[in-house]
């Protein structure tokens, strides 16, 4: 991403430790979650899997060493090689609270997170 584009990003992205799966129609794809924010995520897709921009999907996250599972209704925003950018379109309140906490803990700054939500 160019410096100009990274400066325009409103929501900080953080790394994620856990398991991620992408539900795309009838397919369930194991994916690598490269980073996540309160508004979207960047994932690495498995080889030989076809995903299109604007596809509706659901990203499920299972946190390491935790019973917490997040379900994030999403849309594929862009595709680049084996990576896809997702934007979250519907998140239940409990999942949003968990997601905000994940981002907060990885940023190490509650004030920054408060600014991200605005």
N, C-alpha and C. Protein backbone atom coordinates (compact mmCIF):
# COMPACT_ATOMS: atom_id res chain seq x y z
N UNK A 1 0.85 -1.18 0.00
CA UNK A 1 0.00 0.00 0.00
C UNK A 1 0.89 1.22 0.00
N UNK A 2 0.55 2.20 -0.79
CA UNK A 2 1.36 3.42 -0.86
C UNK A 2 1.22 4.22 0.43
N UNK A 3 2.20 5.11 0.65
CA UNK A 3 2.15 5.93 1.85
C UNK A 3 0.89 6.79 1.88
N UNK A 4 0.49 7.31 0.73
CA UNK A 4 -0.71 8.15 0.67
C UNK A 4 -1.93 7.34 1.07
N UNK A 5 -2.04 6.09 0.58
CA UNK A 5 -3.19 5.25 0.94
C UNK A 5 -3.16 4.87 2.41
N UNK A 6 -1.97 4.55 2.97
CA UNK A 6 -1.92 4.17 4.36
C UNK A 6 -2.27 5.35 5.26
N UNK A 7 -1.95 6.57 4.83
CA UNK A 7 -2.31 7.76 5.61
C UNK A 7 -3.81 7.99 5.59
N UNK A 8 -4.50 7.53 4.54
CA UNK A 8 -5.94 7.72 4.44
C UNK A 8 -6.72 6.69 5.26
N UNK A 9 -6.06 5.56 5.64
CA UNK A 9 -6.75 4.52 6.39
C UNK A 9 -7.21 5.09 7.73
N UNK A 10 -8.50 4.97 8.02
CA UNK A 10 -9.05 5.52 9.25
C UNK A 10 -9.01 4.55 10.40
N UNK A 11 -8.90 3.25 10.11
CA UNK A 11 -8.98 2.24 11.14
C UNK A 11 -7.69 1.45 11.19
N UNK A 12 -7.01 1.48 12.33
CA UNK A 12 -5.76 0.75 12.47
C UNK A 12 -6.01 -0.74 12.36
N UNK A 13 -5.10 -1.41 11.67
CA UNK A 13 -5.17 -2.86 11.52
C UNK A 13 -4.14 -3.49 12.45
N UNK A 14 -4.51 -4.63 13.01
CA UNK A 14 -3.62 -5.32 13.93
C UNK A 14 -3.52 -6.79 13.53
N UNK A 15 -2.45 -7.47 13.97
CA UNK A 15 -2.34 -8.90 13.70
C UNK A 15 -3.34 -9.68 14.54
N UNK A 16 -3.52 -10.95 14.21
CA UNK A 16 -4.51 -11.78 14.89
C UNK A 16 -3.91 -13.14 15.16
N UNK A 17 -4.10 -13.65 16.38
CA UNK A 17 -3.65 -14.99 16.74
C UNK A 17 -4.87 -15.87 16.93
N UNK A 18 -5.10 -16.75 15.96
CA UNK A 18 -6.24 -17.64 16.05
C UNK A 18 -6.50 -18.30 14.72
N UNK A 19 -7.66 -18.92 14.61
CA UNK A 19 -8.06 -19.63 13.41
C UNK A 19 -9.15 -18.83 12.71
N UNK A 20 -9.05 -18.75 11.40
CA UNK A 20 -10.05 -18.02 10.62
C UNK A 20 -10.59 -18.91 9.51
N UNK A 21 -11.89 -18.79 9.27
CA UNK A 21 -12.55 -19.52 8.19
C UNK A 21 -13.46 -18.55 7.46
N UNK A 22 -13.50 -18.72 6.14
CA UNK A 22 -14.36 -17.89 5.31
C UNK A 22 -15.48 -18.76 4.76
N UNK A 23 -16.72 -18.39 5.07
CA UNK A 23 -17.91 -19.08 4.54
C UNK A 23 -18.33 -18.31 3.31
N UNK A 24 -18.26 -18.98 2.17
CA UNK A 24 -18.57 -18.34 0.90
C UNK A 24 -19.55 -19.25 0.17
N UNK A 25 -20.84 -18.91 0.25
CA UNK A 25 -21.85 -19.79 -0.31
C UNK A 25 -21.82 -21.12 0.44
N UNK A 26 -21.68 -22.21 -0.31
CA UNK A 26 -21.61 -23.54 0.29
C UNK A 26 -20.19 -23.93 0.70
N UNK A 27 -19.22 -23.09 0.34
CA UNK A 27 -17.82 -23.41 0.64
C UNK A 27 -17.40 -22.88 2.00
N UNK A 28 -16.55 -23.66 2.68
CA UNK A 28 -15.94 -23.24 3.94
C UNK A 28 -14.44 -23.30 3.72
N UNK A 29 -13.79 -22.14 3.67
CA UNK A 29 -12.38 -22.06 3.34
C UNK A 29 -11.55 -21.71 4.56
N UNK A 30 -10.51 -22.49 4.86
CA UNK A 30 -9.57 -22.06 5.89
C UNK A 30 -8.74 -20.92 5.31
N UNK A 31 -8.64 -19.82 6.01
CA UNK A 31 -7.88 -18.67 5.52
C UNK A 31 -6.89 -18.21 6.58
N UNK A 32 -5.87 -17.50 6.14
CA UNK A 32 -4.95 -16.86 7.07
C UNK A 32 -5.41 -15.43 7.23
N UNK A 33 -5.66 -15.03 8.46
CA UNK A 33 -6.04 -13.65 8.74
C UNK A 33 -4.76 -12.85 8.90
N UNK A 34 -4.49 -11.97 7.95
CA UNK A 34 -3.25 -11.20 7.97
C UNK A 34 -3.33 -10.04 8.95
N UNK A 35 -4.47 -9.35 8.95
CA UNK A 35 -4.71 -8.29 9.93
C UNK A 35 -6.19 -7.99 9.97
N UNK A 36 -6.57 -7.26 11.01
CA UNK A 36 -7.99 -6.99 11.22
C UNK A 36 -8.15 -5.62 11.86
N UNK A 37 -9.26 -4.97 11.56
CA UNK A 37 -9.62 -3.70 12.20
C UNK A 37 -11.08 -3.83 12.62
N UNK A 38 -11.62 -2.78 13.19
CA UNK A 38 -13.03 -2.82 13.58
C UNK A 38 -13.96 -2.72 12.38
N UNK A 39 -13.42 -2.45 11.20
CA UNK A 39 -14.25 -2.31 9.99
C UNK A 39 -13.99 -3.35 8.91
N UNK A 40 -12.87 -4.09 9.01
CA UNK A 40 -12.56 -5.05 7.96
C UNK A 40 -11.33 -5.86 8.27
N UNK A 41 -10.95 -6.70 7.30
CA UNK A 41 -9.82 -7.60 7.48
C UNK A 41 -9.14 -7.86 6.15
N UNK A 42 -7.89 -8.26 6.24
CA UNK A 42 -7.12 -8.70 5.08
C UNK A 42 -6.83 -10.18 5.31
N UNK A 43 -7.16 -11.03 4.33
CA UNK A 43 -6.96 -12.46 4.47
C UNK A 43 -6.13 -13.00 3.32
N UNK A 44 -5.47 -14.13 3.57
CA UNK A 44 -4.80 -14.88 2.51
C UNK A 44 -5.67 -16.09 2.22
N UNK A 45 -6.00 -16.27 0.95
CA UNK A 45 -6.88 -17.34 0.52
C UNK A 45 -6.09 -18.62 0.25
N UNK A 46 -6.74 -19.78 0.38
CA UNK A 46 -6.07 -21.02 0.00
C UNK A 46 -5.82 -21.04 -1.50
N UNK A 47 -4.81 -21.79 -1.90
CA UNK A 47 -4.49 -21.90 -3.33
C UNK A 47 -5.66 -22.52 -4.07
N UNK A 48 -5.83 -22.08 -5.31
CA UNK A 48 -6.86 -22.62 -6.22
C UNK A 48 -8.29 -22.34 -5.78
N UNK A 49 -8.50 -21.32 -4.96
CA UNK A 49 -9.86 -20.94 -4.57
C UNK A 49 -10.23 -19.65 -5.27
N UNK A 50 -11.41 -19.61 -5.82
CA UNK A 50 -11.89 -18.46 -6.56
C UNK A 50 -12.81 -17.61 -5.68
N UNK A 51 -12.46 -16.36 -5.54
CA UNK A 51 -13.26 -15.39 -4.81
C UNK A 51 -13.33 -14.14 -5.67
N UNK A 52 -14.48 -13.50 -5.71
CA UNK A 52 -14.67 -12.32 -6.54
C UNK A 52 -14.96 -11.09 -5.67
N UNK A 53 -14.56 -9.94 -6.16
CA UNK A 53 -14.91 -8.69 -5.49
C UNK A 53 -16.43 -8.60 -5.41
N UNK A 54 -16.94 -8.11 -4.31
CA UNK A 54 -18.36 -7.93 -4.00
C UNK A 54 -19.06 -9.21 -3.56
N UNK A 55 -18.35 -10.36 -3.51
CA UNK A 55 -18.95 -11.57 -2.97
C UNK A 55 -19.35 -11.34 -1.52
N UNK A 56 -20.53 -11.79 -1.15
CA UNK A 56 -20.95 -11.77 0.25
C UNK A 56 -20.40 -13.01 0.92
N UNK A 57 -19.93 -12.85 2.15
CA UNK A 57 -19.31 -13.96 2.85
C UNK A 57 -19.46 -13.76 4.36
N UNK A 58 -18.98 -14.73 5.11
CA UNK A 58 -18.98 -14.64 6.57
C UNK A 58 -17.61 -15.10 7.05
N UNK A 59 -16.95 -14.26 7.81
CA UNK A 59 -15.65 -14.58 8.39
C UNK A 59 -15.88 -15.04 9.82
N UNK A 60 -15.40 -16.23 10.14
CA UNK A 60 -15.51 -16.76 11.49
C UNK A 60 -14.11 -16.81 12.09
N UNK A 61 -13.96 -16.27 13.29
CA UNK A 61 -12.68 -16.24 13.98
C UNK A 61 -12.77 -17.00 15.29
N UNK A 62 -11.81 -17.87 15.52
CA UNK A 62 -11.69 -18.59 16.77
C UNK A 62 -10.37 -18.16 17.41
N UNK A 63 -10.44 -17.55 18.57
CA UNK A 63 -9.25 -17.04 19.24
C UNK A 63 -8.48 -18.17 19.89
N UNK A 64 -7.14 -18.11 19.77
CA UNK A 64 -6.30 -19.09 20.45
C UNK A 64 -6.53 -19.00 21.96
N UNK A 65 -6.57 -20.15 22.62
CA UNK A 65 -6.68 -20.22 24.08
C UNK A 65 -7.91 -19.49 24.62
N UNK A 66 -9.01 -19.51 23.87
CA UNK A 66 -10.22 -18.84 24.30
C UNK A 66 -11.44 -19.53 23.69
N UNK A 67 -12.55 -19.54 24.41
CA UNK A 67 -13.77 -20.11 23.84
C UNK A 67 -14.50 -19.13 22.92
N UNK A 68 -13.96 -17.93 22.74
CA UNK A 68 -14.63 -16.89 21.97
C UNK A 68 -14.55 -17.19 20.48
N UNK A 69 -15.71 -17.13 19.82
CA UNK A 69 -15.81 -17.24 18.37
C UNK A 69 -16.53 -15.99 17.87
N UNK A 70 -15.99 -15.34 16.86
CA UNK A 70 -16.64 -14.17 16.28
C UNK A 70 -17.16 -14.52 14.90
N UNK A 71 -18.36 -14.05 14.59
CA UNK A 71 -18.95 -14.25 13.28
C UNK A 71 -19.20 -12.87 12.69
N UNK A 72 -18.54 -12.60 11.56
CA UNK A 72 -18.55 -11.27 10.97
C UNK A 72 -19.08 -11.35 9.53
N UNK A 73 -20.31 -10.89 9.34
CA UNK A 73 -20.88 -10.85 7.99
C UNK A 73 -20.09 -9.83 7.20
N UNK A 74 -19.61 -10.23 6.03
CA UNK A 74 -18.64 -9.42 5.30
C UNK A 74 -18.95 -9.38 3.81
N UNK A 75 -18.19 -8.54 3.13
CA UNK A 75 -18.22 -8.48 1.68
C UNK A 75 -16.78 -8.34 1.20
N UNK A 76 -16.45 -9.07 0.13
CA UNK A 76 -15.12 -8.97 -0.45
C UNK A 76 -15.02 -7.61 -1.13
N UNK A 77 -14.08 -6.80 -0.69
CA UNK A 77 -13.91 -5.45 -1.24
C UNK A 77 -12.92 -5.45 -2.40
N UNK A 78 -11.82 -6.19 -2.24
CA UNK A 78 -10.82 -6.25 -3.31
C UNK A 78 -10.05 -7.56 -3.24
N UNK A 79 -9.48 -7.94 -4.38
CA UNK A 79 -8.67 -9.15 -4.51
C UNK A 79 -7.32 -8.75 -5.09
N UNK A 80 -6.25 -9.31 -4.55
CA UNK A 80 -4.92 -9.09 -5.09
C UNK A 80 -4.11 -10.37 -4.90
N UNK A 81 -3.81 -11.03 -6.01
CA UNK A 81 -3.10 -12.31 -5.97
C UNK A 81 -3.86 -13.28 -5.08
N UNK A 82 -3.23 -13.74 -3.99
CA UNK A 82 -3.89 -14.71 -3.11
C UNK A 82 -4.49 -14.04 -1.87
N UNK A 83 -4.65 -12.72 -1.90
CA UNK A 83 -5.20 -11.99 -0.76
C UNK A 83 -6.53 -11.33 -1.11
N UNK A 84 -7.35 -11.17 -0.08
CA UNK A 84 -8.64 -10.48 -0.25
C UNK A 84 -8.82 -9.52 0.91
N UNK A 85 -9.36 -8.36 0.59
CA UNK A 85 -9.73 -7.39 1.61
C UNK A 85 -11.23 -7.50 1.84
N UNK A 86 -11.62 -7.63 3.09
CA UNK A 86 -13.03 -7.75 3.46
C UNK A 86 -13.47 -6.50 4.21
N UNK A 87 -14.70 -6.11 3.99
CA UNK A 87 -15.31 -5.06 4.80
C UNK A 87 -16.46 -5.73 5.56
N UNK A 88 -16.56 -5.42 6.85
CA UNK A 88 -17.62 -6.00 7.67
C UNK A 88 -18.91 -5.22 7.43
N UNK A 89 -20.00 -5.95 7.15
CA UNK A 89 -21.27 -5.28 6.86
C UNK A 89 -22.29 -5.47 7.97
N UNK A 90 -22.13 -6.51 8.78
CA UNK A 90 -23.06 -6.74 9.88
C UNK A 90 -22.35 -7.51 10.98
N UNK A 91 -22.31 -6.92 12.16
CA UNK A 91 -21.65 -7.55 13.30
C UNK A 91 -22.59 -7.45 14.49
N UNK A 92 -22.84 -8.57 15.13
CA UNK A 92 -23.68 -8.56 16.32
C UNK A 92 -22.94 -7.81 17.44
N UNK A 93 -23.68 -7.25 18.36
CA UNK A 93 -23.12 -6.38 19.40
C UNK A 93 -22.04 -7.08 20.22
N UNK A 94 -22.27 -8.32 20.62
CA UNK A 94 -21.28 -9.05 21.41
C UNK A 94 -20.00 -9.26 20.61
N UNK A 95 -20.14 -9.65 19.34
CA UNK A 95 -18.97 -9.84 18.50
C UNK A 95 -18.22 -8.53 18.29
N UNK A 96 -18.93 -7.42 18.16
CA UNK A 96 -18.28 -6.12 18.01
C UNK A 96 -17.49 -5.77 19.27
N UNK A 97 -18.05 -6.07 20.44
CA UNK A 97 -17.33 -5.80 21.68
C UNK A 97 -16.04 -6.62 21.74
N UNK A 98 -16.11 -7.90 21.36
CA UNK A 98 -14.91 -8.73 21.34
C UNK A 98 -13.91 -8.21 20.32
N UNK A 99 -14.38 -7.84 19.15
CA UNK A 99 -13.50 -7.34 18.09
C UNK A 99 -12.80 -6.06 18.54
N UNK A 100 -13.55 -5.16 19.12
CA UNK A 100 -12.95 -3.91 19.62
C UNK A 100 -11.88 -4.21 20.67
N UNK A 101 -12.15 -5.20 21.52
CA UNK A 101 -11.18 -5.55 22.57
C UNK A 101 -9.91 -6.16 21.96
N UNK A 102 -10.07 -7.00 20.94
CA UNK A 102 -8.91 -7.58 20.25
C UNK A 102 -8.04 -6.47 19.67
N UNK A 103 -8.67 -5.53 18.98
CA UNK A 103 -7.93 -4.42 18.39
C UNK A 103 -7.27 -3.59 19.48
N UNK A 104 -8.01 -3.30 20.54
CA UNK A 104 -7.49 -2.50 21.64
C UNK A 104 -6.26 -3.16 22.27
N UNK A 105 -6.36 -4.46 22.54
CA UNK A 105 -5.24 -5.16 23.18
C UNK A 105 -4.01 -5.18 22.28
N UNK A 106 -4.22 -5.33 20.97
CA UNK A 106 -3.09 -5.37 20.06
C UNK A 106 -2.50 -3.99 19.82
N UNK A 107 -3.31 -2.95 19.91
CA UNK A 107 -2.79 -1.59 19.76
C UNK A 107 -2.11 -1.13 21.04
N UNK A 108 -2.60 -1.65 22.17
CA UNK A 108 -2.06 -1.25 23.46
C UNK A 108 -2.44 0.16 23.85
N UNK A 109 -3.54 0.69 23.29
CA UNK A 109 -3.91 2.09 23.52
C UNK A 109 -5.41 2.25 23.42
N UNK A 110 -6.11 2.34 24.56
CA UNK A 110 -7.57 2.49 24.55
C UNK A 110 -8.00 3.80 23.90
N UNK A 111 -7.20 4.87 24.05
CA UNK A 111 -7.57 6.16 23.45
C UNK A 111 -7.59 6.06 21.93
N UNK A 112 -6.61 5.36 21.36
CA UNK A 112 -6.58 5.19 19.91
C UNK A 112 -7.81 4.45 19.44
N UNK A 113 -8.20 3.39 20.17
CA UNK A 113 -9.37 2.62 19.78
C UNK A 113 -10.62 3.50 19.83
N UNK A 114 -10.75 4.32 20.84
CA UNK A 114 -11.91 5.22 20.93
C UNK A 114 -12.00 6.11 19.71
N UNK A 115 -10.86 6.59 19.22
CA UNK A 115 -10.84 7.42 18.02
C UNK A 115 -11.18 6.62 16.78
N UNK A 116 -10.87 5.32 16.76
CA UNK A 116 -11.13 4.49 15.59
C UNK A 116 -12.62 4.29 15.38
N UNK A 117 -13.39 4.25 16.44
CA UNK A 117 -14.81 3.96 16.33
C UNK A 117 -15.61 5.16 15.86
N UNK A 118 -15.03 6.33 15.87
CA UNK A 118 -15.76 7.53 15.47
C UNK A 118 -15.70 7.77 13.99
